Amino acid sequence: MFLYIIYVLLSPFLWFLILLTSFFNNKVKEHWNDLWISINSVSKDLKKNKNKKKIILFHAASAGEFEQLVPILDSIDKNKFYIVQSFFSPTIFKNHNNKNSFNSFCYHPFDFIISSYIFFKKIKPNYYIINRHDIWPSHIIMAKFFKIKIFFINANLYKKSNRLKFPFKSFNKFIFKQFDKILTPSNKISNIMKTLINKNNIVTTGDSRFDQIYLRMKQNHHIFFKNINYETKKIIFGSILKSDYEIIFKFLHSYFPKGNKSLNEKQIKLIIVPHEVDNNSINELQKKLEEINIISILYNDKGNNIPNTLIVNKIGILADLYKYSDFTYIGGGFEAGVHSVIEPSIYGSVITYGPNIDILDEAVYMSENNIGFIVRTYHDLIKYMNFLNDHDKFLSIKKNTKKYVFKNTGASKKILREILN
């Protein structure tokens, strides 16, 4: 409680800092400028809720967290409930294409007492559902004040999290006690949660991302390339950050010493999908590839064939592109934490990633069960790349990664039962 009071007292300074940041950061600026326009739009839409359906407010910070919500949203009876979806990232706010999954959408406010009061006063939700990570203390306290039921679903917490360290642990105990229920993806995460709050409020339901990835795979009829040579192997470097560049480019230079010529000789295609697709990031990637004699083509300029090296400068298609991948390197493992490892798993790819995996329970499980592989140097990438030359090894990995996803589906219905019952 004491730390929360300090947090509130610091709010005016944080408000000024965000305002200042908005002059230099386009994403913050877009959020800041459009926040109340979007909330007022939802408030106006809610006046059409003549049947007085119960309002469920779901929050997802990013595109990945929203994708995780989709199978849950699609399972809700829209004749009984009115769904409001809030986002924090301008990228997903502008580019989402699942409008049938909810009734209205808006930005989620920054975490100030006054903002949270006005937000809930305008929307008047019966349920406030937070997904995965994005916990805003003042909004949770204010939701409690308005007697809104609060759920934390697909909840993630790992042993080394700062939430469990002094002095933040007492602060997080206070905040987490406000939840009516915390629904976790695994028993492992449930046990970590129990160090913060009463175990009676914690339920292991599984992770709805498995449902979304399974459904997306079944609906993946996209034809990205009309002419496919299935004799060639495809490597996808997915959602990569600058912190991944060193190991990637050392691997490429070593494994393909003659650049394009080596790619042709080994019959391998590269598909590179950066996490950021702005012009500066794309130009930097192309220059680095040129330095090792690899000429790349942008996705926007591709023809019917997969070029030797393709850079994907389009958001939202990586999960579907994974169907082409034989070997996958997933970014983020040399920074805050590896990105989604189960998206390529459904297609049976050999999956590799950097060592920072504690934040992602699936990556830990896959590593422990030899269906996902940690790389620390480019030599490791070369070693695992050679799995493609071992037919039996490759088929075994392919079978077990698919099996891992299939056996973990079904969480969405469990989560929904816990929320609505």
Protein backbone atom coordinates (compact mmCIF):
# COMPACT_ATOMS: atom_id res chain seq x y z
CA MET A 1 0.00 0.00 0.00
CA PHE A 2 2.82 2.37 0.90
CA LEU A 3 4.58 1.86 -2.44
CA TYR A 4 1.28 2.38 -4.27
CA ILE A 5 0.85 5.76 -2.55
CA ILE A 6 4.34 6.72 -3.74
CA TYR A 7 3.38 5.51 -7.23
CA VAL A 8 0.32 7.79 -7.20
CA LEU A 9 2.31 10.75 -5.89
CA LEU A 10 4.76 10.34 -8.76
CA SER A 11 1.91 10.44 -11.30
CA PRO A 12 2.14 14.17 -12.14
CA PHE A 13 5.82 13.76 -12.97
CA LEU A 14 5.07 10.67 -15.09
CA TRP A 15 2.26 12.53 -16.86
CA PHE A 16 4.67 15.33 -17.80
CA LEU A 17 7.30 12.79 -18.90
CA ILE A 18 4.82 11.04 -21.23
CA LEU A 19 3.70 14.37 -22.64
CA LEU A 20 7.33 15.29 -23.31
CA THR A 21 8.00 11.88 -24.90
CA SER A 22 5.05 12.35 -27.25
CA PHE A 23 6.97 15.12 -29.06
CA PHE A 24 9.75 12.69 -29.99
CA ASN A 25 8.04 9.28 -30.17
CA ASN A 26 5.37 8.80 -32.84
CA LYS A 27 3.75 5.82 -31.11
CA VAL A 28 3.35 7.70 -27.82
CA LYS A 29 2.11 10.74 -29.76
CA GLU A 30 -0.55 8.70 -31.59
CA HIS A 31 -1.75 7.12 -28.37
CA TRP A 32 -1.80 10.46 -26.56
CA ASN A 33 -3.68 12.27 -29.33
CA ASP A 34 -6.28 9.59 -30.06
CA LEU A 35 -6.87 8.17 -26.58
CA TRP A 36 -10.00 10.08 -25.55
CA ILE A 37 -11.36 10.26 -29.09
CA SER A 38 -11.43 6.44 -29.13
CA ILE A 39 -12.91 6.15 -25.61
CA ASN A 40 -15.63 8.69 -26.39
CA SER A 41 -16.43 6.71 -29.54
CA VAL A 42 -16.93 3.55 -27.44
CA SER A 43 -19.07 5.49 -24.96
CA LYS A 44 -21.25 6.63 -27.84
CA ASP A 45 -21.51 3.07 -29.21
CA LEU A 46 -22.54 1.79 -25.79
CA LYS A 47 -25.66 3.96 -25.89
CA LYS A 48 -26.89 1.59 -28.60
CA ASN A 49 -26.72 -1.27 -26.09
CA LYS A 50 -30.49 -1.15 -25.68
CA ASN A 51 -30.75 -4.68 -24.28
CA LYS A 52 -28.42 -3.75 -21.44
CA LYS A 53 -26.07 -6.65 -22.15
CA LYS A 54 -23.32 -7.13 -19.60
CA ILE A 55 -20.15 -5.34 -20.73
CA ILE A 56 -16.85 -7.19 -20.78
CA LEU A 57 -13.75 -5.04 -21.18
CA PHE A 58 -10.76 -7.00 -22.49
CA HIS A 59 -7.30 -5.46 -22.58
CA ALA A 60 -4.36 -6.50 -24.75
CA ALA A 61 -1.22 -4.41 -24.94
CA SER A 62 0.15 -5.71 -28.23
CA ALA A 63 -0.69 -7.67 -31.39
CA GLY A 64 0.56 -10.93 -29.85
CA GLU A 65 -1.55 -10.50 -26.72
CA PHE A 66 -4.62 -9.69 -28.79
CA GLU A 67 -4.13 -12.79 -30.96
CA GLN A 68 -4.09 -14.75 -27.71
CA LEU A 69 -7.53 -13.32 -26.87
CA VAL A 70 -9.21 -14.02 -30.22
CA PRO A 71 -10.37 -17.62 -29.53
CA ILE A 72 -11.83 -16.44 -26.21
CA LEU A 73 -13.57 -13.45 -27.80
CA ASP A 74 -14.97 -15.61 -30.58
CA SER A 75 -16.44 -18.06 -28.04
CA ILE A 76 -18.50 -15.40 -26.24
CA ASP A 77 -22.21 -15.15 -27.02
CA LYS A 78 -22.56 -11.62 -28.41
CA ASN A 79 -26.32 -11.82 -27.85
CA LYS A 80 -25.66 -11.88 -24.10
CA PHE A 81 -22.51 -9.80 -23.74
CA TYR A 82 -21.18 -6.54 -25.18
CA ILE A 83 -17.43 -6.76 -25.80
CA VAL A 84 -15.13 -3.74 -25.58
CA GLN A 85 -11.51 -4.35 -26.60
CA SER A 86 -8.78 -1.97 -25.46
CA PHE A 87 -5.26 -1.77 -26.89
CA PHE A 88 -2.14 0.03 -25.79
CA SER A 89 0.01 -0.24 -28.91
CA PRO A 90 -0.89 2.07 -31.84
CA THR A 91 0.36 -0.66 -34.22
CA ILE A 92 -2.36 -3.14 -33.25
CA PHE A 93 -4.93 -0.37 -32.68
CA LYS A 94 -4.59 0.69 -36.34
CA ASN A 95 -3.97 -2.69 -37.96
CA HIS A 96 -6.17 -5.25 -36.22
CA ASN A 97 -8.55 -7.07 -38.56
CA ASN A 98 -10.70 -9.09 -36.16
CA LYS A 99 -13.56 -6.62 -35.83
CA ASN A 100 -16.10 -9.45 -35.59
CA SER A 101 -14.47 -10.53 -32.33
CA PHE A 102 -15.72 -7.49 -30.39
CA ASN A 103 -18.35 -4.74 -30.53
CA SER A 104 -16.20 -1.66 -29.90
CA PHE A 105 -12.53 -0.85 -29.36
CA CYS A 106 -10.41 1.94 -27.92
CA TYR A 107 -7.01 2.80 -26.51
CA HIS A 108 -6.33 1.89 -22.89
CA PRO A 109 -5.42 5.03 -20.89
CA PHE A 110 -2.07 5.65 -19.27
CA ASP A 111 -2.12 4.65 -15.62
CA PHE A 112 -3.29 7.77 -13.76
CA ILE A 113 -6.02 7.83 -11.12
CA ILE A 114 -8.09 10.48 -12.91
CA SER A 115 -7.74 8.76 -16.30
CA SER A 116 -8.78 5.40 -14.88
CA TYR A 117 -11.78 6.95 -13.08
CA ILE A 118 -13.06 8.63 -16.25
CA PHE A 119 -12.34 5.50 -18.32
CA PHE A 120 -14.45 3.19 -16.16
CA LYS A 121 -17.11 5.86 -15.62
CA LYS A 122 -17.61 6.17 -19.38
CA ILE A 123 -17.49 2.45 -20.25
CA LYS A 124 -19.10 0.99 -17.10
CA PRO A 125 -17.85 -2.58 -17.62
CA ASN A 126 -19.08 -5.50 -15.54
CA TYR A 127 -15.82 -7.34 -16.14
CA TYR A 128 -12.27 -6.05 -16.61
CA ILE A 129 -10.08 -8.77 -18.18
CA ILE A 130 -6.32 -8.26 -18.39
CA ASN A 131 -4.31 -10.60 -20.60
CA ARG A 132 -0.75 -11.86 -20.16
CA HIS A 133 1.36 -8.97 -18.79
CA ASP A 134 -0.16 -5.52 -19.01
CA ILE A 135 -1.16 -4.75 -15.42
CA TRP A 136 -1.98 -1.12 -14.63
CA PRO A 137 -2.18 -0.63 -10.81
CA SER A 138 -4.40 2.47 -10.73
CA HIS A 139 -6.87 0.90 -13.15
CA ILE A 140 -7.07 -2.22 -10.99
CA ILE A 141 -7.67 -0.15 -7.85
CA MET A 142 -10.29 1.94 -9.64
CA ALA A 143 -12.02 -1.16 -11.06
CA LYS A 144 -12.23 -2.48 -7.49
CA PHE A 145 -13.71 0.86 -6.40
CA PHE A 146 -16.43 0.52 -9.06
CA LYS A 147 -17.04 -3.12 -7.99
CA ILE A 148 -16.03 -4.43 -11.42
CA LYS A 149 -14.97 -8.08 -11.53
CA ILE A 150 -11.26 -8.23 -12.35
CA PHE A 151 -9.55 -11.22 -14.00
CA PHE A 152 -5.93 -11.76 -14.97
CA ILE A 153 -5.91 -14.42 -17.72
CA ASN A 154 -3.06 -16.24 -19.45
CA ALA A 155 -1.18 -14.76 -16.52
CA ASN A 156 2.58 -14.93 -16.77
CA LEU A 157 5.10 -14.67 -13.95
CA TYR A 158 8.59 -16.14 -13.89
CA LYS A 159 10.99 -16.80 -11.03
CA LYS A 160 13.42 -14.01 -11.89
CA SER A 161 10.68 -11.39 -12.38
CA ASN A 162 11.25 -8.05 -10.68
CA ARG A 163 7.70 -8.39 -9.33
CA LEU A 164 9.09 -10.95 -6.88
CA LYS A 165 12.07 -8.88 -5.76
CA PHE A 166 12.43 -6.32 -2.97
CA PRO A 167 10.89 -3.75 -2.74
CA PHE A 168 8.39 -4.56 -5.52
CA LYS A 169 7.10 -7.81 -4.04
CA SER A 170 4.98 -6.14 -1.36
CA PHE A 171 3.61 -3.69 -3.95
CA ASN A 172 2.64 -6.55 -6.28
CA LYS A 173 1.11 -8.55 -3.43
CA PHE A 174 -1.18 -5.59 -2.79
CA ILE A 175 -2.12 -5.24 -6.48
CA PHE A 176 -2.53 -8.97 -7.22
CA LYS A 177 -4.86 -9.39 -4.22
CA GLN A 178 -7.37 -7.14 -6.02
CA PHE A 179 -7.98 -9.75 -8.74
CA ASP A 180 -11.09 -11.89 -8.38
CA LYS A 181 -9.23 -14.69 -10.16
CA ILE A 182 -5.86 -15.30 -11.77
CA LEU A 183 -5.91 -17.87 -14.56
CA THR A 184 -2.50 -19.28 -15.49
CA PRO A 185 -1.14 -21.30 -18.44
CA SER A 186 0.65 -23.93 -16.33
CA ASN A 187 1.05 -25.40 -12.86
CA LYS A 188 4.57 -24.02 -12.82
CA ILE A 189 3.31 -20.45 -13.17
CA SER A 190 0.49 -21.13 -10.67
CA ASN A 191 3.07 -22.16 -8.08
CA ILE A 192 5.05 -18.98 -8.65
CA MET A 193 1.84 -16.92 -8.34
CA LYS A 194 1.14 -18.54 -4.98
CA THR A 195 4.15 -16.73 -3.55
CA LEU A 196 2.18 -13.51 -4.05
CA ILE A 197 -1.48 -14.28 -3.25
CA ASN A 198 -3.97 -16.75 -1.79
CA LYS A 199 -3.91 -19.98 -3.77
CA ASN A 200 -7.73 -20.15 -3.82
CA ASN A 201 -7.81 -17.33 -6.38
CA ILE A 202 -5.42 -19.10 -8.77
CA VAL A 203 -6.62 -21.59 -11.39
CA THR A 204 -4.52 -23.38 -14.02
CA THR A 205 -6.50 -23.24 -17.27
CA GLY A 206 -3.83 -23.50 -19.96
CA ASP A 207 -2.81 -20.93 -22.55
CA SER A 208 -5.32 -19.72 -25.17
CA ARG A 209 -2.48 -19.03 -27.61
CA PHE A 210 -2.40 -22.74 -28.41
CA ASP A 211 -6.04 -22.49 -29.51
CA GLN A 212 -5.37 -19.42 -31.61
CA ILE A 213 -2.32 -20.93 -33.29
CA TYR A 214 -4.21 -24.16 -34.02
CA LEU A 215 -7.19 -22.25 -35.48
CA ARG A 216 -4.93 -19.96 -37.48
CA MET A 217 -3.13 -22.97 -38.95
CA LYS A 218 -6.45 -24.52 -40.02
CA GLN A 219 -7.48 -21.25 -41.66
CA ASN A 220 -4.08 -20.64 -43.25
CA HIS A 221 -4.97 -20.89 -46.93
CA HIS A 222 -2.74 -17.96 -47.88
CA ILE A 223 -0.69 -18.48 -51.02
CA PHE A 224 2.29 -16.19 -50.58
CA PHE A 225 4.21 -17.73 -53.48
CA LYS A 226 2.57 -19.32 -56.50
CA ASN A 227 5.62 -21.30 -57.51
CA ILE A 228 7.14 -23.40 -54.71
CA ASN A 229 10.06 -25.77 -55.06
CA TYR A 230 9.64 -28.17 -52.14
CA GLU A 231 13.11 -29.61 -52.72
CA THR A 232 14.66 -26.41 -51.35
CA LYS A 233 14.92 -25.87 -47.59
CA LYS A 234 13.59 -22.64 -46.11
CA ILE A 235 15.03 -20.84 -43.11
CA ILE A 236 12.91 -18.21 -41.36
CA PHE A 237 14.47 -15.66 -39.03
CA GLY A 238 11.30 -14.53 -37.26
CA SER A 239 10.66 -11.34 -35.29
CA ILE A 240 14.37 -10.55 -35.04
CA LEU A 241 15.84 -7.59 -33.17
CA LYS A 242 19.18 -5.84 -33.55
CA SER A 243 20.44 -7.87 -30.60
CA ASP A 244 20.03 -10.97 -32.80
CA TYR A 245 22.07 -9.57 -35.69
CA GLU A 246 25.51 -10.65 -34.48
CA ILE A 247 24.71 -14.36 -34.23
CA ILE A 248 22.60 -14.34 -37.42
CA PHE A 249 25.13 -12.64 -39.65
CA LYS A 250 28.05 -14.67 -38.32
CA PHE A 251 26.02 -17.80 -39.06
CA LEU A 252 25.11 -16.63 -42.56
CA HIS A 253 28.68 -15.65 -43.37
CA SER A 254 30.01 -19.00 -42.11
CA TYR A 255 27.31 -21.27 -43.57
CA PHE A 256 27.03 -19.43 -46.89
CA PRO A 257 30.63 -18.19 -47.43
CA LYS A 258 29.98 -17.27 -51.07
CA GLY A 259 26.70 -15.52 -50.36
CA ASN A 260 24.08 -15.99 -53.07
CA LYS A 261 26.18 -18.63 -54.80
CA SER A 262 26.26 -20.76 -51.61
CA LEU A 263 22.48 -20.40 -51.20
CA ASN A 264 22.00 -21.74 -54.72
CA GLU A 265 24.47 -24.58 -54.22
CA LYS A 266 22.85 -25.71 -50.96
CA GLN A 267 19.31 -25.12 -52.29
CA ILE A 268 18.29 -22.97 -49.34
CA LYS A 269 16.00 -19.94 -49.20
CA LEU A 270 16.11 -17.28 -46.47
CA ILE A 271 13.02 -15.46 -45.19
CA ILE A 272 13.92 -12.65 -42.79
CA VAL A 273 11.15 -11.04 -40.75
CA PRO A 274 12.36 -8.12 -38.59
CA HIS A 275 10.37 -7.07 -35.52
CA GLU A 276 10.48 -3.46 -36.73
CA VAL A 277 9.65 -2.80 -40.38
CA ASP A 278 10.40 0.92 -40.66
CA ASN A 279 12.57 2.05 -43.58
CA ASN A 280 15.70 2.53 -41.47
CA SER A 281 15.53 -1.00 -40.06
CA ILE A 282 14.92 -2.53 -43.49
CA ASN A 283 17.75 -0.55 -45.11
CA GLU A 284 20.16 -1.60 -42.35
CA LEU A 285 19.26 -5.28 -42.89
CA GLN A 286 19.77 -5.05 -46.64
CA LYS A 287 23.18 -3.40 -46.23
CA LYS A 288 24.35 -6.05 -43.77
CA LEU A 289 23.29 -8.78 -46.20
CA GLU A 290 25.08 -7.08 -49.09
CA GLU A 291 28.28 -7.04 -47.01
CA ILE A 292 28.24 -10.88 -47.09
CA ASN A 293 27.23 -11.01 -50.78
CA ILE A 294 23.59 -11.86 -50.17
CA ILE A 295 21.16 -9.84 -52.27
CA SER A 296 17.68 -9.51 -50.79
CA ILE A 297 14.26 -8.64 -52.18
CA LEU A 298 11.52 -6.97 -50.17
CA TYR A 299 8.19 -8.72 -49.71
CA ASN A 300 6.40 -5.82 -51.41
CA ASP A 301 8.53 -6.39 -54.53
CA LYS A 302 8.40 -10.19 -54.71
CA GLY A 303 7.07 -12.06 -57.72
CA ASN A 304 5.55 -15.54 -57.84
CA ASN A 305 8.74 -17.30 -56.71
CA ILE A 306 10.50 -17.23 -53.35
CA PRO A 307 13.72 -15.30 -53.96
CA ASN A 308 16.97 -16.54 -52.46
CA THR A 309 16.56 -14.02 -49.66
CA LEU A 310 13.29 -12.31 -48.82
CA ILE A 311 12.90 -9.51 -46.27
CA VAL A 312 9.32 -9.23 -45.04
CA ASN A 313 8.44 -5.58 -44.60
CA LYS A 314 4.80 -6.26 -43.77
CA ILE A 315 3.20 -6.64 -40.34
CA GLY A 316 0.98 -9.53 -39.29
CA ILE A 317 1.90 -12.38 -41.65
CA LEU A 318 4.81 -14.09 -39.85
CA ALA A 319 2.61 -16.71 -38.16
CA ASP A 320 1.25 -17.76 -41.56
CA LEU A 321 4.65 -17.67 -43.27
CA TYR A 322 5.93 -20.28 -40.81
CA LYS A 323 4.17 -22.97 -42.87
CA TYR A 324 7.10 -22.71 -45.31
CA SER A 325 9.80 -23.04 -42.66
CA ASP A 326 12.03 -26.07 -42.20
CA PHE A 327 14.35 -24.27 -39.80
CA THR A 328 13.40 -21.30 -37.62
CA TYR A 329 15.37 -18.83 -35.55
CA ILE A 330 13.14 -16.72 -33.28
CA GLY A 331 14.29 -13.31 -32.13
CA GLY A 332 14.34 -11.66 -28.71
CA GLY A 333 16.41 -14.29 -26.91
CA PHE A 334 19.41 -11.98 -26.58
CA GLU A 335 17.32 -9.15 -25.12
CA ALA A 336 14.33 -9.01 -22.73
CA GLY A 337 13.08 -12.44 -23.78
CA VAL A 338 12.40 -14.68 -26.77
CA HIS A 339 9.24 -14.03 -28.81
CA SER A 340 6.53 -16.62 -29.55
CA VAL A 341 8.00 -20.10 -30.05
CA ILE A 342 4.75 -22.00 -30.60
CA GLU A 343 3.71 -20.27 -33.84
CA PRO A 344 6.27 -22.26 -35.90
CA SER A 345 5.78 -25.36 -33.71
CA ILE A 346 2.39 -26.12 -35.26
CA TYR A 347 4.16 -26.62 -38.62
CA GLY A 348 6.90 -28.88 -37.26
CA SER A 349 9.92 -26.66 -37.86
CA VAL A 350 13.29 -27.07 -36.16
CA ILE A 351 13.09 -24.16 -33.70
CA THR A 352 16.02 -22.23 -32.24
CA TYR A 353 16.30 -19.09 -30.09
CA GLY A 354 18.65 -17.17 -27.83
CA PRO A 355 19.22 -17.98 -24.12
CA ASN A 356 16.84 -15.48 -22.46
CA ILE A 357 13.81 -17.76 -22.23
CA ASP A 358 12.70 -17.59 -18.58
CA ILE A 359 9.89 -15.17 -19.44
CA LEU A 360 8.32 -17.72 -21.78
CA ASP A 361 7.17 -20.96 -20.17
CA GLU A 362 6.76 -22.71 -23.55
CA ALA A 363 10.36 -21.99 -24.54
CA VAL A 364 11.58 -23.47 -21.25
CA TYR A 365 9.43 -26.58 -21.74
CA MET A 366 10.54 -27.03 -25.35
CA SER A 367 14.21 -26.72 -24.40
CA GLU A 368 13.86 -29.20 -21.55
CA ASN A 369 12.14 -31.69 -23.89
CA ASN A 370 14.49 -31.27 -26.88
CA ILE A 371 11.89 -29.83 -29.25
CA GLY A 372 13.32 -26.31 -29.05
CA PHE A 373 17.01 -25.44 -29.02
CA ILE A 374 18.93 -22.64 -27.31
CA VAL A 375 21.74 -21.03 -29.29
CA ARG A 376 24.45 -18.97 -27.68
CA THR A 377 26.87 -18.75 -30.61
CA TYR A 378 26.62 -19.08 -34.38
CA HIS A 379 28.30 -22.48 -34.01
CA ASP A 380 25.13 -23.67 -32.24
CA LEU A 381 23.03 -22.48 -35.16
CA ILE A 382 25.20 -24.46 -37.55
CA LYS A 383 24.92 -27.58 -35.35
CA TYR A 384 21.11 -27.44 -35.25
CA MET A 385 20.90 -26.52 -38.91
CA ASN A 386 22.50 -29.88 -39.64
CA PHE A 387 19.38 -31.61 -38.23
CA LEU A 388 17.87 -30.95 -41.65
CA ASN A 389 20.38 -33.38 -43.11
CA ASP A 390 19.34 -36.13 -40.68
CA HIS A 391 15.99 -37.31 -42.04
CA ASP A 392 14.96 -39.37 -38.99
CA LYS A 393 15.96 -36.63 -36.53
CA PHE A 394 14.10 -34.01 -38.52
CA LEU A 395 10.90 -36.10 -38.72
CA SER A 396 11.05 -36.84 -34.98
CA ILE A 397 11.33 -33.12 -34.12
CA LYS A 398 8.56 -32.27 -36.57
CA LYS A 399 6.21 -34.86 -35.02
CA ASN A 400 6.92 -33.86 -31.41
CA THR A 401 6.62 -30.10 -31.87
CA LYS A 402 3.20 -30.54 -33.53
CA LYS A 403 2.12 -32.93 -30.78
CA TYR A 404 3.12 -30.37 -28.13
CA VAL A 405 0.75 -27.76 -29.59
CA PHE A 406 -2.16 -30.14 -30.17
CA LYS A 407 -2.15 -31.53 -26.62
CA ASN A 408 -2.31 -28.00 -25.13
CA THR A 409 -5.39 -26.78 -27.02
CA GLY A 410 -8.73 -26.22 -25.25
CA ALA A 411 -7.74 -23.49 -22.78
CA SER A 412 -10.12 -20.84 -24.19
CA LYS A 413 -13.28 -22.65 -23.06
CA LYS A 414 -11.79 -23.28 -19.61
CA ILE A 415 -10.88 -19.60 -19.24
CA LEU A 416 -14.36 -18.48 -20.31
CA ARG A 417 -16.02 -20.85 -17.82
CA GLU A 418 -13.93 -19.43 -14.99
CA ILE A 419 -14.81 -15.85 -15.95
CA LEU A 420 -18.55 -16.22 -16.52
CA ASN A 421 -19.50 -18.90 -13.97
